[in-house]
Amino acid sequence: MDGVEFCQLVAGHISPQEAAAGQDGDREAIQDVLSAAASLSRL
């Protein structure tokens, strides 16, 4: 994931599922981290 995509995730412009597409590794851990980052847009 590049910086632009991460910023879009945190700003709520893309979903954690969209951001996780194509990522390698533990899918559950990736989903948890991306969901936590996405929740920052609701603070």
N, C-alpha and C. Protein backbone atom coordinates (compact mmCIF):
# COMPACT_ATOMS: atom_id res chain seq x y z
N MET A 1 0.85 -1.16 0.00
CA MET A 1 0.00 0.00 0.00
C MET A 1 0.90 1.23 0.00
N ASP A 2 0.60 2.14 -0.89
CA ASP A 2 1.40 3.36 -0.94
C ASP A 2 0.78 4.43 -0.01
N GLY A 3 1.48 5.52 0.12
CA GLY A 3 1.05 6.58 1.02
C GLY A 3 -0.27 7.20 0.64
N VAL A 4 -0.50 7.36 -0.66
CA VAL A 4 -1.76 7.95 -1.13
C VAL A 4 -2.94 7.05 -0.76
N GLU A 5 -2.78 5.76 -1.00
CA GLU A 5 -3.86 4.83 -0.68
C GLU A 5 -4.13 4.81 0.83
N PHE A 6 -3.08 4.87 1.65
CA PHE A 6 -3.26 4.90 3.10
C PHE A 6 -4.02 6.17 3.51
N CYS A 7 -3.67 7.30 2.94
CA CYS A 7 -4.35 8.55 3.26
C CYS A 7 -5.82 8.49 2.86
N GLN A 8 -6.11 7.87 1.71
CA GLN A 8 -7.50 7.71 1.28
C GLN A 8 -8.27 6.83 2.27
N LEU A 9 -7.62 5.79 2.77
CA LEU A 9 -8.24 4.90 3.75
C LEU A 9 -8.56 5.65 5.03
N VAL A 10 -7.59 6.38 5.56
CA VAL A 10 -7.77 7.10 6.82
C VAL A 10 -8.81 8.21 6.66
N ALA A 11 -8.91 8.80 5.48
CA ALA A 11 -9.88 9.86 5.23
C ALA A 11 -11.28 9.30 4.97
N GLY A 12 -11.40 7.98 4.83
CA GLY A 12 -12.70 7.37 4.61
C GLY A 12 -13.13 7.33 3.15
N HIS A 13 -12.20 7.54 2.24
CA HIS A 13 -12.54 7.52 0.82
C HIS A 13 -12.53 6.13 0.21
N ILE A 14 -11.81 5.19 0.82
CA ILE A 14 -11.84 3.79 0.39
C ILE A 14 -12.05 2.92 1.61
N SER A 15 -12.62 1.75 1.40
CA SER A 15 -12.90 0.84 2.51
C SER A 15 -11.67 -0.02 2.83
N PRO A 16 -11.63 -0.57 4.03
CA PRO A 16 -10.52 -1.48 4.37
C PRO A 16 -10.44 -2.67 3.43
N GLN A 17 -11.59 -3.14 2.93
CA GLN A 17 -11.59 -4.27 2.01
C GLN A 17 -10.92 -3.90 0.69
N GLU A 18 -11.18 -2.69 0.20
CA GLU A 18 -10.54 -2.24 -1.03
C GLU A 18 -9.04 -2.08 -0.83
N ALA A 19 -8.65 -1.55 0.31
CA ALA A 19 -7.23 -1.32 0.59
C ALA A 19 -6.48 -2.63 0.78
N ALA A 20 -7.16 -3.66 1.27
CA ALA A 20 -6.51 -4.94 1.55
C ALA A 20 -6.31 -5.79 0.30
N ALA A 21 -6.95 -5.43 -0.78
CA ALA A 21 -6.86 -6.22 -2.01
C ALA A 21 -5.42 -6.34 -2.46
N GLY A 22 -4.98 -7.55 -2.68
CA GLY A 22 -3.63 -7.80 -3.19
C GLY A 22 -2.54 -7.83 -2.14
N GLN A 23 -2.88 -7.66 -0.86
CA GLN A 23 -1.87 -7.68 0.19
C GLN A 23 -1.52 -9.13 0.54
N ASP A 24 -0.26 -9.37 0.84
CA ASP A 24 0.20 -10.71 1.23
C ASP A 24 0.31 -10.78 2.75
N GLY A 25 0.12 -11.97 3.29
CA GLY A 25 0.29 -12.17 4.72
C GLY A 25 -1.00 -12.62 5.38
N ASP A 26 -1.04 -12.44 6.69
CA ASP A 26 -2.18 -12.85 7.50
C ASP A 26 -3.36 -11.93 7.19
N ARG A 27 -4.34 -12.44 6.46
CA ARG A 27 -5.47 -11.62 6.02
C ARG A 27 -6.25 -11.02 7.19
N GLU A 28 -6.41 -11.80 8.26
CA GLU A 28 -7.16 -11.30 9.42
C GLU A 28 -6.42 -10.14 10.09
N ALA A 29 -5.11 -10.26 10.22
CA ALA A 29 -4.32 -9.18 10.82
C ALA A 29 -4.35 -7.93 9.94
N ILE A 30 -4.24 -8.13 8.64
CA ILE A 30 -4.30 -7.00 7.70
C ILE A 30 -5.64 -6.30 7.83
N GLN A 31 -6.71 -7.05 7.86
CA GLN A 31 -8.05 -6.49 7.99
C GLN A 31 -8.21 -5.72 9.29
N ASP A 32 -7.68 -6.27 10.39
CA ASP A 32 -7.77 -5.60 11.69
C ASP A 32 -7.04 -4.26 11.69
N VAL A 33 -5.84 -4.23 11.15
CA VAL A 33 -5.04 -3.00 11.12
C VAL A 33 -5.70 -1.96 10.21
N LEU A 34 -6.16 -2.39 9.04
CA LEU A 34 -6.78 -1.44 8.12
C LEU A 34 -8.11 -0.92 8.67
N SER A 35 -8.85 -1.75 9.36
CA SER A 35 -10.10 -1.30 9.97
C SER A 35 -9.83 -0.28 11.07
N ALA A 36 -8.78 -0.52 11.86
CA ALA A 36 -8.41 0.43 12.90
C ALA A 36 -7.98 1.77 12.29
N ALA A 37 -7.21 1.72 11.23
CA ALA A 37 -6.77 2.96 10.55
C ALA A 37 -7.98 3.69 9.96
N ALA A 38 -8.92 2.95 9.37
CA ALA A 38 -10.09 3.57 8.78
C ALA A 38 -10.96 4.23 9.84
N SER A 39 -10.96 3.70 11.06
CA SER A 39 -11.78 4.28 12.13
C SER A 39 -11.28 5.67 12.52
N LEU A 40 -10.06 6.03 12.14
CA LEU A 40 -9.55 7.36 12.44
C LEU A 40 -10.37 8.45 11.74
N SER A 41 -11.00 8.12 10.63
CA SER A 41 -11.78 9.11 9.89
C SER A 41 -13.04 9.50 10.65
N ARG A 42 -13.41 8.71 11.65
CA ARG A 42 -14.62 8.98 12.41
C ARG A 42 -14.34 9.67 13.74
N LEU A 43 -13.11 10.09 13.97
CA LEU A 43 -12.79 10.78 15.24
C LEU A 43 -13.20 12.21 15.20
